Amino acid sequence: MPIIEFKNFSFRFANLREPTLNNLNFQIKEGEKVLIAGASGSGKSTLMHCINGIVPFAHSGELKGELVVSGIKPYNQNIFEISKKAGTILQDQDSQFIGLTVGEDVAFIQENNNINPEIMKKKVYESLQSVQMQKFIDQSPYELSGGQKQSVSLAGILSSGTDILLFDEPLANLDPASGKKVIELIDELHKKYRKTIIIIEHRIEDVLERNIDRLIVIDKGRIKANEKPDTVLKQDILRKYGLREPLYIEALKHFSIDLKIINNIHDINSCKNPEVKKTLSTKKIIYKKNNNYKKRQLLLSVQNINFSYDRKGRQILKNVSFELDKGEIISILGNNGAGKSTLSNIITGILKPDSGTINLSGKDITAAGIKEIGQKIGYVMQNPNHMIVKNMIKDEVCLGLNAYRYDKNFIEERYLKTVKTCGLYGYRNWPVSSLSYGQKKRVTIASILALDPKVVVLDEPTAGQDYRTYTEIMDFISRLTEKGIGIILITHDMHLALEYTTRSIVLSNGKIIGNDKPSKILSNEKIVAKANLKETSLSRLSGILELEDKEEFIQNFIETEKGVRAVE
């Protein structure tokens, strides 16, 4: 029985000429778990907003056709009535919290429904217990990690008793280990309560680690696929519409493996197939190695950095040392709380170390002011809402250029070039408030890249981005290295580290436990486990197939991918 049904449904925003959703016809059955994927601007978020009533009550426009959600037509109701049917867990949890404590926040819905206090306390505790967050009941939600915030938001929705749970990019801001736990938690709750669950997410591989019933692909407001995951994965649908295939699927295709011989291909363990192993054992990935030796030119040197927020408290960074060459891209990996963000704040001058030195181009900048450092080292924060200060996109991207009083023609030329590269050209005259979270992220990256600094530190640069935009942004960042700019990526994305960085520096409890090629780091089980990282599916595939050299397999595939992308 369908709990959600679209019939010839279209929607056009009031300020747009063309509809964002075009003649949708599909159903979601009661108790199903569905993944909806699409590139940025595909209409997937608008589709979700039609289900939860944000459209048309917060965003007006023209509706055609029919949408029925749990027996009601949302556009004929009000937000309060719709909230009884569908609950939403937002990508940006901070904007969803209401209470000063976790318990108050989860109780918010109960208080609005005038529930008896004793009953309410019991429901709040039970909801938190279901997501294993009951011990945080008196803590501020803003002090929690990303995964914990997701769990609290989920507890709040569960306490409302809604039949439909909508997840908007639940993995966008989480480290690999936390993301894995969230996907496991969603799956466990689905099995326990049989809620109808809709997940909107770019990180398809991560979602598919637990079973889903259907994978829906949307592009330009139209449904392009609505099938079981295996059916979609065995075709070229995902890449065709700007989405990333699971990395192990890409590897199998590069080896010309016939995917039809693998049943349940959404489960990587199903690749343990004698025919697949035989094929891989007799084939070699051939790629052109870059033999052009580049003499090292040291750009940034970080030596023996120690730091604690409270001199008598826990030490956050312990004797951290590493170097960055001109034109090099390195990644800093580690779980939430490992010290990555603190390290980036010290490099950019926001914080001062307790001891140790930082040298840029041979000059000691350890004691330099943030303004002086900011002219040479650019920093893109993880949360765009913590960085954006202007109302219009153009004003935000050009903020630094105007501050340094560049010529107006130069500013205009640099602005247009930067927004094109970052996939924002179509929004160049828009206000920031009209953008999605992911689009705001691109604005913050553009505002720093426009200044062309010597070193750029990017905190999760591709979080929430579709594969096409991810590739455009990272290819642009890679091209910056041709000018000698050094890039430091603070990231949870193991694929990004593999594809785009020469070295990965791994932090765990404030100490560096690894500093080597990403393929070597991410095939080292001890480092992966200690740093609470996530083993890549390439590494897992090589282990499942018992290939002789795991690191060589990973490195060869990545080099091949780079070559294919360069040709494309």
Protein backbone atom coordinates (compact mmCIF):
# COMPACT_ATOMS: atom_id res chain seq x y z
CA MET A 1 0.00 0.00 0.00
CA PRO A 2 1.52 3.38 -1.00
CA ILE A 3 2.09 5.85 1.81
CA ILE A 4 3.42 8.48 -0.64
CA GLU A 5 2.12 8.85 -4.19
CA PHE A 6 2.95 11.39 -6.91
CA LYS A 7 0.49 11.60 -9.81
CA ASN A 8 1.45 13.78 -12.79
CA PHE A 9 3.00 16.09 -10.21
CA SER A 10 4.94 19.22 -11.17
CA PHE A 11 6.16 22.22 -9.21
CA ARG A 12 7.59 25.55 -10.35
CA PHE A 13 9.04 28.08 -7.92
CA ALA A 14 7.46 31.53 -8.17
CA ASN A 15 10.75 33.16 -9.22
CA LEU A 16 11.63 30.59 -11.91
CA ARG A 17 10.36 30.14 -15.46
CA GLU A 18 10.82 26.38 -15.67
CA PRO A 19 9.45 23.79 -13.22
CA THR A 20 11.88 22.20 -10.77
CA LEU A 21 9.82 19.01 -10.67
CA ASN A 22 8.40 17.66 -13.92
CA ASN A 23 5.41 15.32 -14.21
CA LEU A 24 6.40 12.88 -11.46
CA ASN A 25 4.61 9.56 -11.27
CA PHE A 26 5.79 7.12 -8.61
CA GLN A 27 4.91 5.58 -5.26
CA ILE A 28 6.68 4.78 -2.02
CA LYS A 29 5.12 1.94 -0.10
CA GLU A 30 4.51 1.87 3.64
CA GLY A 31 7.57 0.58 5.48
CA GLU A 32 9.96 0.95 2.55
CA LYS A 33 13.48 2.35 2.86
CA VAL A 34 14.32 4.40 -0.22
CA LEU A 35 17.43 6.30 -1.32
CA ILE A 36 16.85 9.33 -3.54
CA ALA A 37 19.98 10.54 -5.35
CA GLY A 38 20.64 13.31 -7.82
CA ALA A 39 23.15 15.98 -8.70
CA SER A 40 22.87 19.44 -7.12
CA GLY A 41 19.90 21.22 -8.65
CA SER A 42 18.26 17.97 -9.76
CA GLY A 43 15.15 18.63 -7.67
CA LYS A 44 15.63 16.01 -4.95
CA SER A 45 15.48 18.53 -2.09
CA THR A 46 12.42 20.18 -3.62
CA LEU A 47 10.79 16.76 -3.83
CA MET A 48 11.42 16.22 -0.12
CA HIS A 49 10.09 19.70 0.68
CA CYS A 50 6.86 18.87 -1.15
CA ILE A 51 6.43 15.82 1.09
CA ASN A 52 7.09 17.67 4.38
CA GLY A 53 5.12 20.81 3.45
CA ILE A 54 8.02 23.28 3.13
CA VAL A 55 6.64 23.60 -0.40
CA PRO A 56 4.36 25.50 -0.78
CA PHE A 57 4.11 26.98 2.75
CA ALA A 58 7.68 28.32 2.99
CA HIS A 59 8.49 28.39 -0.75
CA SER A 60 5.59 29.43 -2.92
CA GLY A 61 5.07 28.43 -6.51
CA GLU A 62 2.78 26.69 -8.98
CA LEU A 63 1.61 23.12 -8.28
CA LYS A 64 0.15 20.75 -10.84
CA GLY A 65 -1.05 17.19 -10.45
CA GLU A 66 -1.51 15.39 -7.15
CA LEU A 67 0.58 14.35 -4.15
CA VAL A 68 -0.80 12.20 -1.34
CA VAL A 69 1.20 11.65 1.86
CA SER A 70 -0.21 9.25 4.44
CA GLY A 71 -3.77 9.92 3.29
CA ILE A 72 -3.54 13.73 3.04
CA LYS A 73 -2.57 16.23 0.36
CA PRO A 74 0.14 18.33 2.08
CA TYR A 75 -0.51 21.47 0.05
CA ASN A 76 -4.14 21.48 1.26
CA GLN A 77 -3.15 21.19 4.93
CA ASN A 78 -0.81 23.17 7.21
CA ILE A 79 2.69 22.56 8.52
CA PHE A 80 1.42 21.41 11.92
CA GLU A 81 -0.81 18.70 10.42
CA ILE A 82 1.90 17.56 7.98
CA SER A 83 4.44 17.27 10.81
CA LYS A 84 2.25 14.53 12.32
CA LYS A 85 2.77 12.50 9.14
CA ALA A 86 6.37 13.22 8.12
CA GLY A 87 9.39 14.19 10.20
CA THR A 88 12.58 15.65 8.74
CA ILE A 89 16.18 15.36 9.98
CA LEU A 90 18.04 18.28 8.43
CA GLN A 91 21.55 18.26 7.01
CA ASP A 92 22.51 21.20 9.26
CA GLN A 93 21.51 19.97 12.72
CA ASP A 94 22.49 23.21 14.46
CA SER A 95 19.65 24.99 12.69
CA GLN A 96 17.18 22.35 13.91
CA PHE A 97 17.89 22.47 17.65
CA ILE A 98 15.46 24.39 19.88
CA GLY A 99 16.22 23.37 23.46
CA LEU A 100 19.18 24.31 25.64
CA THR A 101 19.72 20.66 26.53
CA VAL A 102 19.30 17.40 24.64
CA GLY A 103 16.29 16.48 26.78
CA GLU A 104 14.58 19.85 26.21
CA ASP A 105 15.11 19.58 22.48
CA VAL A 106 13.60 16.10 22.22
CA ALA A 107 10.71 17.23 24.45
CA PHE A 108 9.84 20.18 22.20
CA ILE A 109 7.27 18.29 20.12
CA GLN A 110 5.71 16.76 23.23
CA GLU A 111 5.37 20.18 24.86
CA ASN A 112 3.66 21.56 21.75
CA ASN A 113 1.21 18.68 21.94
CA ASN A 114 0.50 19.49 25.62
CA ILE A 115 1.55 16.03 26.80
CA ASN A 116 1.41 15.30 30.53
CA PRO A 117 4.91 16.05 32.00
CA GLU A 118 5.39 12.58 33.48
CA ILE A 119 4.40 10.87 30.22
CA MET A 120 6.57 13.34 28.31
CA LYS A 121 9.68 12.57 30.41
CA LYS A 122 9.17 8.87 29.81
CA LYS A 123 8.79 9.33 26.04
CA VAL A 124 11.85 11.58 25.86
CA TYR A 125 13.99 9.04 27.71
CA GLU A 126 12.70 6.15 25.57
CA SER A 127 13.38 8.09 22.35
CA LEU A 128 16.94 8.92 23.45
CA GLN A 129 17.45 5.34 24.58
CA SER A 130 16.43 4.07 21.13
CA VAL A 131 19.37 6.01 19.61
CA GLN A 132 21.70 5.32 22.57
CA MET A 133 21.85 8.99 23.63
CA GLN A 134 20.08 8.84 27.01
CA LYS A 135 23.25 9.63 28.97
CA PHE A 136 23.51 13.00 27.17
CA ILE A 137 20.04 14.12 28.24
CA ASP A 138 21.31 17.11 30.28
CA GLN A 139 24.07 18.17 27.86
CA SER A 140 23.86 21.04 25.35
CA PRO A 141 23.20 19.68 21.83
CA TYR A 142 25.77 22.15 20.44
CA GLU A 143 28.55 20.41 22.38
CA LEU A 144 27.96 17.07 20.69
CA SER A 145 29.81 15.51 17.75
CA GLY A 146 28.21 15.43 14.30
CA GLY A 147 27.01 11.85 14.68
CA GLN A 148 25.60 12.54 18.13
CA LYS A 149 23.70 15.57 16.80
CA GLN A 150 22.17 13.36 14.11
CA SER A 151 21.06 10.89 16.77
CA VAL A 152 19.44 13.62 18.93
CA SER A 153 17.57 15.03 15.92
CA LEU A 154 16.38 11.52 15.13
CA ALA A 155 15.24 10.98 18.71
CA GLY A 156 13.17 14.17 18.51
CA ILE A 157 11.42 12.96 15.38
CA LEU A 158 10.86 9.47 16.81
CA SER A 159 9.17 10.96 19.85
CA SER A 160 6.59 12.58 17.57
CA GLY A 161 5.36 9.19 16.36
CA THR A 162 5.45 10.11 12.64
CA ASP A 163 5.22 7.26 10.14
CA ILE A 164 7.61 8.83 7.61
CA LEU A 165 11.22 9.81 8.33
CA LEU A 166 13.03 12.07 5.85
CA PHE A 167 16.84 12.34 6.03
CA ASP A 168 18.42 15.28 4.21
CA GLU A 169 22.13 14.50 3.51
CA PRO A 170 22.63 12.74 6.88
CA LEU A 171 26.31 11.95 6.16
CA ALA A 172 27.46 15.31 4.79
CA ASN A 173 29.30 16.51 7.92
CA LEU A 174 30.28 13.22 9.51
CA ASP A 175 33.59 11.39 9.71
CA PRO A 176 33.58 7.87 8.17
CA ALA A 177 33.14 6.05 11.47
CA SER A 178 30.26 8.30 12.58
CA GLY A 179 28.63 8.04 9.16
CA LYS A 180 28.78 4.25 9.33
CA LYS A 181 27.12 4.31 12.76
CA VAL A 182 24.34 6.63 11.54
CA ILE A 183 23.56 4.34 8.59
CA GLU A 184 23.52 1.35 10.95
CA LEU A 185 21.25 3.24 13.37
CA ILE A 186 18.80 4.18 10.59
CA ASP A 187 18.72 0.54 9.48
CA GLU A 188 18.16 -0.76 13.01
CA LEU A 189 15.31 1.70 13.60
CA HIS A 190 13.78 0.74 10.25
CA LYS A 191 13.78 -2.91 11.21
CA LYS A 192 12.45 -2.21 14.72
CA TYR A 193 9.70 0.31 13.96
CA ARG A 194 9.05 -0.35 10.24
CA LYS A 195 8.89 3.37 9.54
CA THR A 196 8.89 4.56 5.95
CA ILE A 197 12.37 6.01 5.47
CA ILE A 198 13.55 8.29 2.67
CA ILE A 199 17.25 9.16 2.52
CA ILE A 200 18.56 11.92 0.28
CA GLU A 201 22.32 11.52 0.00
CA HIS A 202 25.28 11.91 -2.39
CA ARG A 203 27.37 9.26 -0.62
CA ILE A 204 25.58 6.36 -2.28
CA GLU A 205 28.21 3.75 -1.43
CA ASP A 206 27.92 4.49 2.29
CA VAL A 207 24.11 4.25 2.30
CA LEU A 208 24.20 0.97 0.39
CA GLU A 209 26.23 -0.69 3.14
CA ARG A 210 22.85 -1.50 4.67
CA ASN A 211 19.96 -2.83 2.60
CA ILE A 212 17.58 -0.41 0.94
CA ASP A 213 14.48 -1.35 -1.04
CA ARG A 214 14.86 1.06 -3.94
CA LEU A 215 17.24 3.58 -5.44
CA ILE A 216 15.56 6.53 -7.15
CA VAL A 217 17.68 8.75 -9.41
CA ILE A 218 16.36 12.19 -10.28
CA ASP A 219 17.74 14.62 -12.87
CA LYS A 220 16.34 18.00 -13.94
CA GLY A 221 13.15 17.28 -12.05
CA ARG A 222 12.47 13.95 -13.76
CA ILE A 223 12.81 10.39 -12.47
CA LYS A 224 15.56 8.61 -14.42
CA ALA A 225 15.66 5.38 -12.42
CA ASN A 226 13.39 3.79 -9.84
CA GLU A 227 14.71 0.28 -9.30
CA LYS A 228 16.32 -2.07 -6.84
CA PRO A 229 19.93 -0.99 -6.15
CA ASP A 230 21.43 -3.93 -8.06
CA THR A 231 19.54 -3.01 -11.24
CA VAL A 232 20.82 0.59 -11.11
CA LEU A 233 24.41 -0.35 -10.19
CA LYS A 234 24.76 -2.75 -13.12
CA GLN A 235 24.01 0.06 -15.55
CA ASP A 236 25.79 3.39 -16.17
CA ILE A 237 22.95 5.48 -14.73
CA LEU A 238 24.76 7.04 -11.75
CA ARG A 239 27.72 8.54 -13.62
CA LYS A 240 25.48 9.61 -16.48
CA TYR A 241 23.58 11.88 -14.10
CA GLY A 242 26.53 13.30 -12.18
CA LEU A 243 26.65 10.81 -9.30
CA ARG A 244 29.47 8.68 -7.98
CA GLU A 245 29.31 4.94 -8.28
CA PRO A 246 30.68 2.87 -5.40
CA LEU A 247 34.44 2.81 -5.85
CA TYR A 248 34.62 -0.98 -6.07
CA ILE A 249 32.01 -0.90 -8.86
CA GLU A 250 34.19 1.55 -10.78
CA ALA A 251 37.18 -0.76 -10.31
CA LEU A 252 35.24 -3.80 -11.57
CA LYS A 253 34.15 -1.85 -14.65
CA HIS A 254 37.72 -0.70 -15.34
CA PHE A 255 38.78 -4.34 -15.28
CA SER A 256 35.97 -5.14 -17.76
CA ILE A 257 34.28 -7.48 -15.28
CA ASP A 258 30.81 -8.49 -16.41
CA LEU A 259 28.67 -7.26 -13.50
CA LYS A 260 25.85 -9.60 -14.50
CA ILE A 261 27.76 -12.54 -13.02
CA ILE A 262 27.62 -10.97 -9.53
CA ASN A 263 24.38 -11.32 -7.58
CA ASN A 264 23.58 -8.74 -4.87
CA ILE A 265 26.32 -6.47 -6.17
CA HIS A 266 25.25 -3.72 -3.73
CA ASP A 267 26.96 -5.91 -1.11
CA ILE A 268 30.73 -5.82 -1.73
CA ASN A 269 31.10 -9.26 -0.12
CA SER A 270 29.18 -10.71 -3.08
CA CYS A 271 32.25 -9.92 -5.24
CA LYS A 272 33.94 -12.99 -3.76
CA ASN A 273 33.39 -14.76 -7.02
CA PRO A 274 35.89 -17.26 -8.54
CA GLU A 275 35.38 -15.84 -12.02
CA VAL A 276 36.03 -12.27 -10.83
CA LYS A 277 39.19 -13.34 -8.98
CA LYS A 278 40.45 -15.27 -12.01
CA THR A 279 39.91 -12.27 -14.28
CA LEU A 280 41.68 -9.86 -11.94
CA SER A 281 44.58 -12.26 -11.44
CA THR A 282 45.27 -12.37 -15.19
CA LYS A 283 44.88 -8.64 -15.87
CA LYS A 284 47.07 -5.69 -15.09
CA ILE A 285 45.95 -2.07 -14.99
CA ILE A 286 48.21 -0.23 -17.41
CA TYR A 287 48.76 3.43 -16.69
CA LYS A 288 51.32 6.03 -17.64
CA LYS A 289 53.49 6.85 -14.66
CA ASN A 290 54.63 10.41 -14.21
CA ASN A 291 58.38 10.15 -14.40
CA ASN A 292 58.98 13.89 -14.46
CA TYR A 293 61.02 14.41 -11.32
CA LYS A 294 60.21 17.61 -9.51
CA LYS A 295 62.77 19.02 -7.16
CA ARG A 296 61.25 19.63 -3.74
CA GLN A 297 60.59 23.25 -2.89
CA LEU A 298 59.60 23.55 0.75
CA LEU A 299 56.67 25.94 1.25
CA LEU A 300 55.30 25.31 4.75
CA SER A 301 57.02 23.71 7.71
CA VAL A 302 55.13 22.82 10.90
CA GLN A 303 57.50 21.67 13.65
CA ASN A 304 56.86 20.24 17.13
CA ILE A 305 53.48 21.92 17.66
CA ASN A 306 51.86 21.44 21.06
CA PHE A 307 48.52 22.93 22.07
CA SER A 308 45.83 22.77 24.76
CA TYR A 309 42.83 25.07 25.22
CA ASP A 310 43.39 25.02 28.95
CA ARG A 311 47.06 24.96 29.99
CA LYS A 312 46.15 22.63 32.84
CA GLY A 313 43.72 20.60 30.75
CA ARG A 314 43.97 17.89 28.10
CA GLN A 315 46.60 18.42 25.42
CA ILE A 316 44.89 18.60 22.01
CA LEU A 317 48.02 18.50 19.82
CA LYS A 318 51.18 16.65 20.84
CA ASN A 319 54.48 17.32 19.06
CA VAL A 320 52.90 17.60 15.60
CA SER A 321 55.36 18.02 12.69
CA PHE A 322 54.96 17.89 8.91
CA GLU A 323 55.95 19.76 5.75
CA LEU A 324 54.17 20.99 2.61
CA ASP A 325 55.95 21.60 -0.69
CA LYS A 326 55.05 24.12 -3.36
CA GLY A 327 52.39 22.68 -5.64
CA GLU A 328 51.62 19.78 -3.31
CA ILE A 329 48.23 18.63 -2.03
CA ILE A 330 48.16 16.77 1.26
CA SER A 331 45.24 15.44 3.28
CA ILE A 332 44.88 15.44 7.06
CA LEU A 333 42.77 12.51 8.21
CA GLY A 334 41.34 11.44 11.54
CA ASN A 335 38.09 11.00 13.41
CA ASN A 336 36.14 13.86 14.99
CA GLY A 337 38.08 15.11 17.99
CA ALA A 338 41.48 13.97 16.68
CA GLY A 339 42.74 17.58 16.50
CA LYS A 340 42.37 18.29 12.76
CA SER A 341 40.39 21.54 13.08
CA THR A 342 42.62 22.76 15.93
CA LEU A 343 45.68 22.17 13.75
CA SER A 344 44.15 24.11 10.86
CA ASN A 345 43.33 27.00 13.21
CA ILE A 346 46.96 27.13 14.33
CA ILE A 347 48.29 27.06 10.75
CA THR A 348 46.00 29.94 9.77
CA GLY A 349 46.81 32.05 12.85
CA ILE A 350 43.41 31.78 14.52
CA LEU A 351 45.08 30.02 17.47
CA LYS A 352 48.65 30.25 18.78
CA PRO A 353 50.54 27.08 19.74
CA ASP A 354 51.85 26.53 23.27
CA SER A 355 55.16 25.59 21.68
CA GLY A 356 56.64 24.78 18.29
CA THR A 357 57.18 26.78 15.08
CA ILE A 358 55.50 27.43 11.74
CA ASN A 359 57.56 28.62 8.78
CA LEU A 360 56.14 29.83 5.46
CA SER A 361 58.56 30.28 2.55
CA GLY A 362 61.44 30.25 5.02
CA LYS A 363 59.94 32.90 7.31
CA ASP A 364 58.82 32.18 10.87
CA ILE A 365 55.14 33.19 11.10
CA THR A 366 54.40 31.53 14.45
CA ALA A 367 53.88 34.87 16.20
CA ALA A 368 52.45 36.75 13.20
CA GLY A 369 48.98 38.29 13.37
CA ILE A 370 45.95 36.71 11.76
CA LYS A 371 45.72 39.56 9.20
CA GLU A 372 49.30 39.01 8.02
CA ILE A 373 48.85 35.24 7.84
CA GLY A 374 45.46 35.63 6.14
CA GLN A 375 47.12 37.35 3.17
CA LYS A 376 49.17 34.22 2.49
CA ILE A 377 47.17 31.32 3.91
CA GLY A 378 43.49 31.04 3.00
CA TYR A 379 41.08 29.04 5.15
CA VAL A 380 37.71 27.61 4.10
CA MET A 381 35.64 26.55 7.12
CA GLN A 382 33.65 23.34 7.26
CA ASN A 383 30.32 25.04 8.07
CA PRO A 384 29.53 27.76 5.51
CA ASN A 385 27.10 29.46 7.91
CA HIS A 386 30.07 30.25 10.17
CA MET A 387 31.87 32.03 7.34
CA ILE A 388 29.36 33.90 5.15
CA VAL A 389 28.82 37.56 6.11
CA LYS A 390 27.23 39.11 2.99
CA ASN A 391 23.71 38.83 1.62
CA MET A 392 24.59 38.51 -2.07
CA ILE A 393 26.82 35.81 -3.58
CA LYS A 394 28.85 38.33 -5.54
CA ASP A 395 29.53 40.47 -2.46
CA GLU A 396 30.66 37.40 -0.51
CA VAL A 397 32.99 36.02 -3.18
CA CYS A 398 34.45 39.48 -3.87
CA LEU A 399 34.80 40.44 -0.19
CA GLY A 400 38.56 39.87 -0.03
CA LEU A 401 39.16 41.30 -3.50
CA ASN A 402 37.39 44.53 -2.53
CA ALA A 403 39.24 44.70 0.79
CA TYR A 404 42.56 44.67 -1.08
CA ARG A 405 41.20 47.33 -3.47
CA TYR A 406 41.74 45.51 -6.74
CA ASP A 407 40.62 47.15 -10.00
CA LYS A 408 36.86 46.78 -10.63
CA ASN A 409 37.38 45.13 -14.01
CA PHE A 410 39.83 42.65 -12.49
CA ILE A 411 37.36 41.86 -9.69
CA GLU A 412 34.53 41.25 -12.17
CA GLU A 413 36.71 39.01 -14.35
CA ARG A 414 37.99 37.02 -11.36
CA TYR A 415 34.46 36.70 -9.94
CA LEU A 416 32.97 35.26 -13.13
CA LYS A 417 35.88 32.86 -13.60
CA THR A 418 35.67 31.62 -10.01
CA VAL A 419 31.89 31.08 -9.92
CA LYS A 420 32.06 29.19 -13.22
CA THR A 421 34.70 26.85 -11.82
CA CYS A 422 32.77 26.30 -8.59
CA GLY A 423 29.49 25.55 -10.39
CA LEU A 424 27.82 28.78 -9.28
CA TYR A 425 27.61 30.73 -12.53
CA GLY A 426 23.86 30.24 -12.84
CA TYR A 427 23.42 31.72 -9.36
CA ARG A 428 25.87 34.62 -9.75
CA ASN A 429 23.20 37.28 -9.11
CA TRP A 430 21.35 35.38 -6.37
CA PRO A 431 21.16 36.15 -2.66
CA VAL A 432 22.97 33.67 -0.41
CA SER A 433 19.75 32.91 1.49
CA SER A 434 18.29 31.23 -1.62
CA LEU A 435 21.04 28.62 -1.79
CA SER A 436 21.17 25.12 -0.42
CA TYR A 437 23.73 24.13 2.22
CA GLY A 438 25.97 22.56 -0.40
CA GLN A 439 25.77 25.62 -2.64
CA LYS A 440 26.73 27.85 0.30
CA LYS A 441 29.77 25.63 0.74
CA ARG A 442 30.82 26.40 -2.81
CA VAL A 443 30.43 30.12 -2.17
CA THR A 444 32.88 29.98 0.74
CA ILE A 445 35.41 28.05 -1.34
CA ALA A 446 35.06 30.58 -4.17
CA SER A 447 35.61 33.53 -1.79
CA ILE A 448 39.02 32.15 -0.77
CA LEU A 449 40.14 30.84 -4.14
CA ALA A 450 39.44 34.24 -5.68
CA LEU A 451 42.36 35.66 -3.66
CA ASP A 452 44.94 33.20 -5.02
CA PRO A 453 46.87 32.69 -1.74
CA LYS A 454 50.16 30.73 -1.28
CA VAL A 455 48.55 28.05 0.88
CA VAL A 456 44.90 27.06 1.05
CA VAL A 457 43.50 25.06 3.96
CA LEU A 458 40.13 23.53 3.13
CA ASP A 459 38.03 21.91 5.83
CA GLU A 460 35.80 19.28 4.15
CA PRO A 461 35.74 21.04 0.74
CA THR A 462 33.45 18.52 -0.96
CA ALA A 463 30.99 17.74 1.84
CA GLY A 464 27.45 17.64 0.45
CA GLN A 465 28.57 17.96 -3.18
CA ASP A 466 27.46 15.73 -6.05
CA TYR A 467 30.16 13.87 -7.99
CA ARG A 468 30.18 16.25 -10.95
CA THR A 469 30.66 19.33 -8.75
CA TYR A 470 33.09 17.42 -6.51
CA THR A 471 35.23 16.69 -9.57
CA GLU A 472 35.01 20.25 -10.90
CA ILE A 473 36.03 21.75 -7.55
CA MET A 474 38.88 19.31 -6.96
CA ASP A 475 40.19 19.58 -10.52
CA PHE A 476 40.20 23.35 -10.08
CA ILE A 477 42.02 23.05 -6.76
CA SER A 478 44.52 20.70 -8.41
CA ARG A 479 45.17 23.27 -11.13
CA LEU A 480 46.07 25.82 -8.45
CA THR A 481 49.12 23.72 -7.67
CA GLU A 482 50.52 24.56 -11.12
CA LYS A 483 51.08 28.07 -9.73
CA GLY A 484 52.98 26.64 -6.79
CA ILE A 485 50.10 26.95 -4.32
CA GLY A 486 50.17 24.36 -1.54
CA ILE A 487 46.87 22.76 -0.54
CA ILE A 488 45.94 21.18 2.81
CA LEU A 489 42.68 19.23 2.83
CA ILE A 490 41.08 18.46 6.19
CA THR A 491 38.75 15.67 5.16
CA HIS A 492 36.73 12.62 6.12
CA ASP A 493 36.51 11.57 2.48
CA MET A 494 38.90 8.68 1.94
CA HIS A 495 38.20 8.68 -1.82
CA LEU A 496 39.22 12.32 -2.05
CA ALA A 497 42.46 11.59 -0.22
CA LEU A 498 43.24 8.71 -2.58
CA GLU A 499 42.46 10.57 -5.79
CA TYR A 500 43.85 14.02 -5.20
CA THR A 501 46.53 14.05 -2.52
CA THR A 502 50.18 13.00 -2.61
CA ARG A 503 50.35 12.31 1.12
CA SER A 504 47.98 11.64 3.97
CA ILE A 505 48.80 12.76 7.49
CA VAL A 506 46.78 10.84 10.06
CA LEU A 507 45.95 12.32 13.47
CA SER A 508 44.76 10.27 16.42
CA ASN A 509 44.36 11.77 19.91
CA GLY A 510 46.46 14.77 18.85
CA LYS A 511 49.41 12.74 17.58
CA ILE A 512 50.53 11.97 14.04
CA ILE A 513 50.38 8.19 13.55
CA GLY A 514 50.86 8.14 9.79
CA ASN A 515 52.48 10.29 7.08
CA ASP A 516 52.71 8.52 3.73
CA LYS A 517 51.04 7.93 0.34
CA PRO A 518 47.23 7.66 0.78
CA SER A 519 47.20 4.21 -0.83
CA LYS A 520 49.71 2.99 1.76
CA ILE A 521 47.95 4.68 4.69
CA LEU A 522 44.49 3.43 3.76
CA SER A 523 45.65 -0.13 3.20
CA ASN A 524 47.22 -0.21 6.68
CA GLU A 525 44.65 -1.91 8.90
CA LYS A 526 46.31 -0.79 12.14
CA ILE A 527 46.28 2.92 11.21
CA VAL A 528 42.72 2.72 9.87
CA ALA A 529 41.51 1.10 13.10
CA LYS A 530 43.47 3.38 15.46
CA ALA A 531 42.34 6.58 13.74
CA ASN A 532 38.73 5.35 13.51
CA LEU A 533 38.84 5.79 9.74
CA LYS A 534 36.93 3.70 7.26
CA GLU A 535 38.62 1.18 5.01
CA THR A 536 37.94 2.09 1.37
CA SER A 537 35.94 -0.32 -0.75
CA LEU A 538 38.98 -0.69 -3.04
CA SER A 539 40.97 -2.02 -0.10
CA ARG A 540 38.08 -4.23 0.98
CA LEU A 541 37.69 -5.58 -2.57
CA SER A 542 41.37 -6.49 -2.80
CA GLY A 543 41.08 -8.27 0.57
CA ILE A 544 37.91 -10.13 -0.39
CA LEU A 545 39.57 -11.30 -3.63
CA GLU A 546 42.83 -12.08 -1.78
CA LEU A 547 44.94 -10.06 -4.21
CA GLU A 548 48.68 -10.21 -3.59
CA ASP A 549 49.48 -6.49 -3.29
CA LYS A 550 46.63 -4.42 -1.87
CA GLU A 551 48.51 -1.12 -2.03
CA GLU A 552 49.59 -1.61 -5.66
CA PHE A 553 46.02 -2.49 -6.67
CA ILE A 554 44.68 0.71 -5.07
CA GLN A 555 47.42 2.96 -6.47
CA ASN A 556 47.13 1.54 -9.99
CA PHE A 557 43.39 2.01 -10.09
CA ILE A 558 43.62 5.61 -8.85
CA GLU A 559 46.23 6.45 -11.49
CA THR A 560 44.00 4.91 -14.16
CA GLU A 561 41.05 6.96 -12.93
CA LYS A 562 43.11 10.14 -13.20
CA GLY A 563 44.03 9.27 -16.76
CA VAL A 564 40.43 8.57 -17.75
CA ARG A 565 39.26 11.82 -16.16
CA ALA A 566 41.99 13.78 -17.95
CA VAL A 567 40.84 12.39 -21.31
CA GLU A 568 37.20 13.17 -20.51
